[in-house]
Amino acid sequence: MELSKKFFCQQNIGKSTICLSFCFCKNNLTTLSVAVIDETVRATIKFLNASIEKHIGISEVCEFLGWGINRVQSSFARINAIEHSGIDKKAVESIPTAKAATAFTSAVKGKDLTTGQQRRDAKYHAVLVNK
């Protein structure tokens, strides 16, 4: 699958384009927030689905973005938890590291917590991560 990243950055797919331009042009992967990582993966999936009209998996996203499998696999897990398990997106995005955000979604998944409870727990989780 040989797709041009320059072409991708020029596509009008909404606010995600800004994130993708940042990721491709800066290539500063160590400082990306959870929100930027997940939005970039979402936008990549959306773009690739529209371009090649087939199911897009982790390996295609890794190849296209040039990112490691762990980063993309964790993002897929967080996105899935947000979209299908009632995990609050703002709670997940408030956690400072991708590793901690993935651990948070795993811990909260399947529990009957309100949005407020999830956000409170995420704040507590963020404090623990920063210690």
N, C-alpha and C. Protein backbone atom coordinates (compact mmCIF):
# COMPACT_ATOMS: atom_id res chain seq x y z
N MET A 1 0.85 -1.17 0.00
CA MET A 1 0.00 0.00 0.00
C MET A 1 0.90 1.24 0.00
N GLU A 2 1.10 1.81 -1.14
CA GLU A 2 1.96 2.98 -1.27
C GLU A 2 1.09 4.22 -1.41
N LEU A 3 0.95 4.96 -0.33
CA LEU A 3 0.13 6.18 -0.34
C LEU A 3 1.01 7.36 0.02
N SER A 4 0.74 8.47 -0.57
CA SER A 4 1.54 9.66 -0.33
C SER A 4 1.06 10.40 0.91
N LYS A 5 1.96 10.58 1.87
CA LYS A 5 1.61 11.33 3.08
C LYS A 5 1.35 12.80 2.74
N LYS A 6 2.06 13.32 1.76
CA LYS A 6 1.83 14.71 1.35
C LYS A 6 0.39 14.85 0.83
N PHE A 7 -0.06 13.89 0.04
CA PHE A 7 -1.43 13.90 -0.46
C PHE A 7 -2.41 13.84 0.71
N PHE A 8 -2.10 12.98 1.67
CA PHE A 8 -2.97 12.81 2.82
C PHE A 8 -3.11 14.11 3.60
N CYS A 9 -1.99 14.80 3.81
CA CYS A 9 -2.02 16.05 4.57
C CYS A 9 -2.86 17.12 3.86
N GLN A 10 -2.98 17.01 2.55
CA GLN A 10 -3.72 18.02 1.79
C GLN A 10 -5.21 17.72 1.71
N GLN A 11 -5.63 16.55 2.16
CA GLN A 11 -7.04 16.19 2.07
C GLN A 11 -7.85 16.97 3.10
N ASN A 12 -9.07 17.31 2.75
CA ASN A 12 -9.94 18.04 3.65
C ASN A 12 -10.81 17.03 4.41
N ILE A 13 -10.34 16.60 5.56
CA ILE A 13 -11.10 15.65 6.36
C ILE A 13 -11.41 16.22 7.74
N GLY A 14 -11.46 17.52 7.84
CA GLY A 14 -11.84 18.16 9.09
C GLY A 14 -10.66 18.48 9.97
N LYS A 15 -10.95 18.61 11.27
CA LYS A 15 -9.93 19.02 12.24
C LYS A 15 -8.77 18.05 12.34
N SER A 16 -8.97 16.82 11.92
CA SER A 16 -7.91 15.82 12.00
C SER A 16 -6.71 16.18 11.14
N THR A 17 -6.92 16.94 10.08
CA THR A 17 -5.84 17.31 9.17
C THR A 17 -4.74 18.06 9.93
N ILE A 18 -5.13 18.90 10.86
CA ILE A 18 -4.16 19.66 11.64
C ILE A 18 -3.26 18.71 12.42
N CYS A 19 -3.86 17.73 13.06
CA CYS A 19 -3.10 16.74 13.82
C CYS A 19 -2.14 15.98 12.92
N LEU A 20 -2.62 15.57 11.77
CA LEU A 20 -1.78 14.79 10.86
C LEU A 20 -0.63 15.61 10.32
N SER A 21 -0.88 16.86 10.00
CA SER A 21 0.19 17.73 9.52
C SER A 21 1.26 17.86 10.59
N PHE A 22 0.84 18.03 11.83
CA PHE A 22 1.77 18.13 12.94
C PHE A 22 2.62 16.86 13.05
N CYS A 23 1.97 15.72 12.99
CA CYS A 23 2.67 14.44 13.15
C CYS A 23 3.66 14.19 12.03
N PHE A 24 3.28 14.49 10.81
CA PHE A 24 4.16 14.22 9.68
C PHE A 24 5.29 15.24 9.59
N CYS A 25 4.97 16.49 9.84
CA CYS A 25 5.96 17.53 9.63
C CYS A 25 6.92 17.66 10.80
N LYS A 26 6.44 17.56 12.02
CA LYS A 26 7.29 17.69 13.19
C LYS A 26 7.99 16.38 13.53
N ASN A 27 7.28 15.28 13.34
CA ASN A 27 7.80 13.95 13.64
C ASN A 27 8.36 13.87 15.05
N ASN A 28 7.71 14.55 15.99
CA ASN A 28 8.14 14.58 17.38
C ASN A 28 7.22 13.67 18.19
N LEU A 29 7.41 12.37 18.03
CA LEU A 29 6.48 11.39 18.58
C LEU A 29 6.51 11.28 20.09
N THR A 30 7.58 11.68 20.73
CA THR A 30 7.66 11.50 22.17
C THR A 30 6.80 12.49 22.95
N THR A 31 6.42 13.59 22.35
CA THR A 31 5.65 14.59 23.08
C THR A 31 4.19 14.69 22.64
N LEU A 32 3.73 13.77 21.83
CA LEU A 32 2.35 13.82 21.38
C LEU A 32 1.39 13.47 22.51
N SER A 33 0.33 14.22 22.63
CA SER A 33 -0.67 13.93 23.65
C SER A 33 -1.53 12.74 23.21
N VAL A 34 -2.24 12.19 24.17
CA VAL A 34 -3.16 11.08 23.88
C VAL A 34 -4.19 11.52 22.84
N ALA A 35 -4.70 12.74 22.98
CA ALA A 35 -5.71 13.25 22.05
C ALA A 35 -5.16 13.31 20.63
N VAL A 36 -3.93 13.79 20.46
CA VAL A 36 -3.33 13.90 19.13
C VAL A 36 -3.07 12.52 18.53
N ILE A 37 -2.56 11.61 19.34
CA ILE A 37 -2.31 10.26 18.85
C ILE A 37 -3.60 9.60 18.38
N ASP A 38 -4.62 9.64 19.23
CA ASP A 38 -5.87 8.96 18.89
C ASP A 38 -6.59 9.63 17.72
N GLU A 39 -6.55 10.94 17.66
CA GLU A 39 -7.20 11.64 16.54
C GLU A 39 -6.46 11.35 15.24
N THR A 40 -5.14 11.24 15.30
CA THR A 40 -4.36 10.91 14.12
C THR A 40 -4.69 9.51 13.62
N VAL A 41 -4.81 8.56 14.54
CA VAL A 41 -5.17 7.19 14.14
C VAL A 41 -6.59 7.17 13.56
N ARG A 42 -7.53 7.87 14.21
CA ARG A 42 -8.90 7.94 13.67
C ARG A 42 -8.92 8.50 12.25
N ALA A 43 -8.20 9.60 12.06
CA ALA A 43 -8.17 10.25 10.74
C ALA A 43 -7.51 9.35 9.70
N THR A 44 -6.47 8.64 10.10
CA THR A 44 -5.80 7.73 9.18
C THR A 44 -6.74 6.61 8.75
N ILE A 45 -7.45 6.05 9.71
CA ILE A 45 -8.42 4.99 9.39
C ILE A 45 -9.48 5.52 8.44
N LYS A 46 -9.99 6.70 8.74
CA LYS A 46 -11.02 7.32 7.89
C LYS A 46 -10.49 7.54 6.47
N PHE A 47 -9.29 8.07 6.37
CA PHE A 47 -8.71 8.34 5.06
C PHE A 47 -8.45 7.05 4.29
N LEU A 48 -7.82 6.08 4.94
CA LEU A 48 -7.48 4.84 4.24
C LEU A 48 -8.74 4.07 3.84
N ASN A 49 -9.76 4.08 4.68
CA ASN A 49 -11.02 3.43 4.32
C ASN A 49 -11.63 4.07 3.08
N ALA A 50 -11.56 5.38 3.00
CA ALA A 50 -12.11 6.09 1.84
C ALA A 50 -11.27 5.87 0.60
N SER A 51 -9.97 5.68 0.78
CA SER A 51 -9.07 5.56 -0.36
C SER A 51 -9.01 4.17 -0.96
N ILE A 52 -9.03 3.15 -0.14
CA ILE A 52 -8.84 1.80 -0.67
C ILE A 52 -10.04 0.89 -0.42
N GLU A 53 -11.05 1.42 0.27
CA GLU A 53 -12.33 0.72 0.47
C GLU A 53 -12.17 -0.72 0.94
N LYS A 54 -11.45 -0.89 2.01
CA LYS A 54 -11.35 -2.19 2.65
C LYS A 54 -11.15 -1.98 4.14
N HIS A 55 -11.25 -3.05 4.91
CA HIS A 55 -11.05 -2.95 6.35
C HIS A 55 -9.61 -2.56 6.64
N ILE A 56 -9.44 -1.59 7.51
CA ILE A 56 -8.11 -1.10 7.86
C ILE A 56 -7.76 -1.62 9.24
N GLY A 57 -6.59 -2.21 9.35
CA GLY A 57 -6.13 -2.75 10.61
C GLY A 57 -4.91 -2.02 11.13
N ILE A 58 -4.40 -2.54 12.22
CA ILE A 58 -3.26 -1.92 12.89
C ILE A 58 -2.04 -1.86 11.97
N SER A 59 -1.77 -2.92 11.25
CA SER A 59 -0.55 -2.94 10.41
C SER A 59 -0.60 -1.88 9.31
N GLU A 60 -1.78 -1.66 8.71
CA GLU A 60 -1.89 -0.63 7.66
C GLU A 60 -1.66 0.77 8.24
N VAL A 61 -2.20 1.02 9.44
CA VAL A 61 -2.02 2.33 10.07
C VAL A 61 -0.55 2.52 10.45
N CYS A 62 0.09 1.49 11.00
CA CYS A 62 1.52 1.56 11.35
C CYS A 62 2.36 1.89 10.12
N GLU A 63 2.09 1.18 9.04
CA GLU A 63 2.84 1.39 7.81
C GLU A 63 2.65 2.81 7.28
N PHE A 64 1.41 3.27 7.27
CA PHE A 64 1.13 4.57 6.71
C PHE A 64 1.76 5.70 7.54
N LEU A 65 1.62 5.61 8.87
CA LEU A 65 2.13 6.67 9.74
C LEU A 65 3.62 6.53 10.04
N GLY A 66 4.14 5.32 9.86
CA GLY A 66 5.53 5.09 10.22
C GLY A 66 5.71 4.99 11.73
N TRP A 67 4.66 4.60 12.43
CA TRP A 67 4.69 4.47 13.89
C TRP A 67 4.85 3.01 14.27
N GLY A 68 5.34 2.79 15.49
CA GLY A 68 5.48 1.44 16.02
C GLY A 68 4.13 0.81 16.34
N ILE A 69 4.14 -0.51 16.37
CA ILE A 69 2.89 -1.25 16.57
C ILE A 69 2.29 -0.99 17.95
N ASN A 70 3.11 -0.82 18.98
CA ASN A 70 2.56 -0.60 20.33
C ASN A 70 1.76 0.69 20.42
N ARG A 71 2.28 1.76 19.81
CA ARG A 71 1.57 3.05 19.84
C ARG A 71 0.21 2.93 19.15
N VAL A 72 0.18 2.30 18.00
CA VAL A 72 -1.07 2.19 17.22
C VAL A 72 -2.03 1.20 17.88
N GLN A 73 -1.51 0.08 18.34
CA GLN A 73 -2.36 -0.92 18.99
C GLN A 73 -3.02 -0.35 20.24
N SER A 74 -2.27 0.41 21.04
CA SER A 74 -2.84 1.04 22.23
C SER A 74 -3.90 2.07 21.85
N SER A 75 -3.65 2.81 20.79
CA SER A 75 -4.62 3.79 20.32
C SER A 75 -5.91 3.10 19.87
N PHE A 76 -5.78 2.02 19.11
CA PHE A 76 -6.95 1.24 18.70
C PHE A 76 -7.76 0.80 19.93
N ALA A 77 -7.06 0.33 20.96
CA ALA A 77 -7.74 -0.13 22.18
C ALA A 77 -8.50 1.01 22.86
N ARG A 78 -7.87 2.19 22.95
CA ARG A 78 -8.53 3.34 23.57
C ARG A 78 -9.73 3.79 22.74
N ILE A 79 -9.55 3.88 21.43
CA ILE A 79 -10.65 4.29 20.54
C ILE A 79 -11.82 3.32 20.66
N ASN A 80 -11.52 2.03 20.65
CA ASN A 80 -12.57 1.02 20.78
C ASN A 80 -13.30 1.15 22.12
N ALA A 81 -12.55 1.38 23.20
CA ALA A 81 -13.16 1.53 24.52
C ALA A 81 -14.08 2.76 24.57
N ILE A 82 -13.64 3.83 23.94
CA ILE A 82 -14.45 5.06 23.91
C ILE A 82 -15.71 4.85 23.08
N GLU A 83 -15.57 4.24 21.92
CA GLU A 83 -16.69 4.09 21.00
C GLU A 83 -17.67 2.98 21.37
N HIS A 84 -17.18 1.93 22.06
CA HIS A 84 -18.04 0.77 22.28
C HIS A 84 -18.24 0.37 23.73
N SER A 85 -17.51 0.96 24.65
CA SER A 85 -17.61 0.53 26.05
C SER A 85 -18.00 1.64 27.01
N GLY A 86 -18.42 2.77 26.47
CA GLY A 86 -18.91 3.85 27.33
C GLY A 86 -17.84 4.59 28.11
N ILE A 87 -16.61 4.52 27.65
CA ILE A 87 -15.53 5.26 28.31
C ILE A 87 -15.58 6.70 27.82
N ASP A 88 -15.44 7.64 28.75
CA ASP A 88 -15.52 9.06 28.42
C ASP A 88 -14.23 9.52 27.72
N LYS A 89 -14.40 10.09 26.53
CA LYS A 89 -13.26 10.54 25.72
C LYS A 89 -12.45 11.61 26.44
N LYS A 90 -13.13 12.57 27.08
CA LYS A 90 -12.42 13.64 27.78
C LYS A 90 -11.62 13.11 28.96
N ALA A 91 -12.15 12.10 29.62
CA ALA A 91 -11.43 11.50 30.74
C ALA A 91 -10.13 10.87 30.24
N VAL A 92 -10.22 10.12 29.16
CA VAL A 92 -9.03 9.46 28.59
C VAL A 92 -8.02 10.50 28.14
N GLU A 93 -8.47 11.53 27.44
CA GLU A 93 -7.57 12.54 26.90
C GLU A 93 -6.94 13.42 27.97
N SER A 94 -7.50 13.41 29.18
CA SER A 94 -6.94 14.23 30.26
C SER A 94 -5.72 13.58 30.91
N ILE A 95 -5.47 12.33 30.61
CA ILE A 95 -4.33 11.62 31.18
C ILE A 95 -3.09 11.93 30.34
N PRO A 96 -1.98 12.26 31.00
CA PRO A 96 -0.82 12.81 30.27
C PRO A 96 -0.04 11.85 29.38
N THR A 97 -0.08 10.56 29.64
CA THR A 97 0.69 9.65 28.79
C THR A 97 -0.21 8.60 28.16
N ALA A 98 0.19 8.14 26.99
CA ALA A 98 -0.59 7.13 26.29
C ALA A 98 -0.65 5.82 27.07
N LYS A 99 0.46 5.44 27.69
CA LYS A 99 0.50 4.20 28.47
C LYS A 99 -0.48 4.27 29.63
N ALA A 100 -0.50 5.38 30.34
CA ALA A 100 -1.41 5.54 31.47
C ALA A 100 -2.87 5.61 31.00
N ALA A 101 -3.10 6.25 29.86
CA ALA A 101 -4.46 6.35 29.33
C ALA A 101 -4.99 4.97 28.92
N THR A 102 -4.12 4.15 28.35
CA THR A 102 -4.52 2.80 27.97
C THR A 102 -4.81 1.97 29.22
N ALA A 103 -3.99 2.11 30.25
CA ALA A 103 -4.23 1.39 31.51
C ALA A 103 -5.55 1.84 32.14
N PHE A 104 -5.83 3.14 32.07
CA PHE A 104 -7.08 3.67 32.60
C PHE A 104 -8.28 3.08 31.87
N THR A 105 -8.24 3.04 30.54
CA THR A 105 -9.39 2.50 29.80
C THR A 105 -9.59 1.03 30.11
N SER A 106 -8.51 0.29 30.28
CA SER A 106 -8.63 -1.12 30.63
C SER A 106 -9.25 -1.30 32.01
N ALA A 107 -8.86 -0.45 32.95
CA ALA A 107 -9.37 -0.55 34.32
C ALA A 107 -10.84 -0.15 34.43
N VAL A 108 -11.26 0.83 33.64
CA VAL A 108 -12.62 1.36 33.72
C VAL A 108 -13.60 0.56 32.87
N LYS A 109 -13.09 -0.06 31.82
CA LYS A 109 -13.93 -0.82 30.89
C LYS A 109 -14.72 -1.89 31.64
N GLY A 110 -16.02 -1.93 31.38
CA GLY A 110 -16.87 -2.93 32.00
C GLY A 110 -17.44 -2.51 33.35
N LYS A 111 -16.99 -1.38 33.88
CA LYS A 111 -17.51 -0.89 35.15
C LYS A 111 -18.63 0.11 34.86
N ASP A 112 -19.58 0.16 35.73
CA ASP A 112 -20.73 1.06 35.56
C ASP A 112 -20.45 2.39 36.25
N LEU A 113 -19.62 3.22 35.60
CA LEU A 113 -19.25 4.51 36.16
C LEU A 113 -19.86 5.64 35.32
N THR A 114 -20.30 6.68 36.00
CA THR A 114 -20.82 7.84 35.29
C THR A 114 -19.66 8.60 34.65
N THR A 115 -20.00 9.53 33.78
CA THR A 115 -18.97 10.36 33.15
C THR A 115 -18.21 11.13 34.22
N GLY A 116 -18.91 11.67 35.19
CA GLY A 116 -18.27 12.41 36.28
C GLY A 116 -17.30 11.55 37.07
N GLN A 117 -17.71 10.33 37.38
CA GLN A 117 -16.83 9.42 38.10
C GLN A 117 -15.59 9.09 37.28
N GLN A 118 -15.77 8.86 35.98
CA GLN A 118 -14.63 8.56 35.11
C GLN A 118 -13.65 9.74 35.08
N ARG A 119 -14.18 10.94 34.97
CA ARG A 119 -13.31 12.12 34.90
C ARG A 119 -12.57 12.33 36.22
N ARG A 120 -13.25 12.10 37.34
CA ARG A 120 -12.60 12.22 38.64
C ARG A 120 -11.49 11.16 38.77
N ASP A 121 -11.80 9.95 38.38
CA ASP A 121 -10.80 8.88 38.43
C ASP A 121 -9.62 9.17 37.50
N ALA A 122 -9.90 9.76 36.36
CA ALA A 122 -8.83 10.10 35.41
C ALA A 122 -7.91 11.16 36.01
N LYS A 123 -8.48 12.14 36.71
CA LYS A 123 -7.67 13.18 37.36
C LYS A 123 -6.76 12.54 38.41
N TYR A 124 -7.32 11.63 39.19
CA TYR A 124 -6.54 10.93 40.20
C TYR A 124 -5.43 10.11 39.54
N HIS A 125 -5.78 9.44 38.46
CA HIS A 125 -4.82 8.62 37.71
C HIS A 125 -3.70 9.50 37.16
N ALA A 126 -4.05 10.68 36.65
CA ALA A 126 -3.05 11.61 36.10
C ALA A 126 -2.09 12.08 37.17
N VAL A 127 -2.59 12.31 38.39
CA VAL A 127 -1.73 12.74 39.49
C VAL A 127 -0.73 11.62 39.83
N LEU A 128 -1.20 10.38 39.85
CA LEU A 128 -0.32 9.25 40.15
C LEU A 128 0.78 9.10 39.10
N VAL A 129 0.43 9.34 37.84
CA VAL A 129 1.40 9.23 36.75
C VAL A 129 2.48 10.28 36.85
N ASN A 130 2.11 11.47 37.29
CA ASN A 130 3.07 12.57 37.35
C ASN A 130 3.96 12.53 38.58
N LYS A 131 3.73 11.62 39.51
CA LYS A 131 4.58 11.55 40.72
C LYS A 131 5.89 10.88 40.41
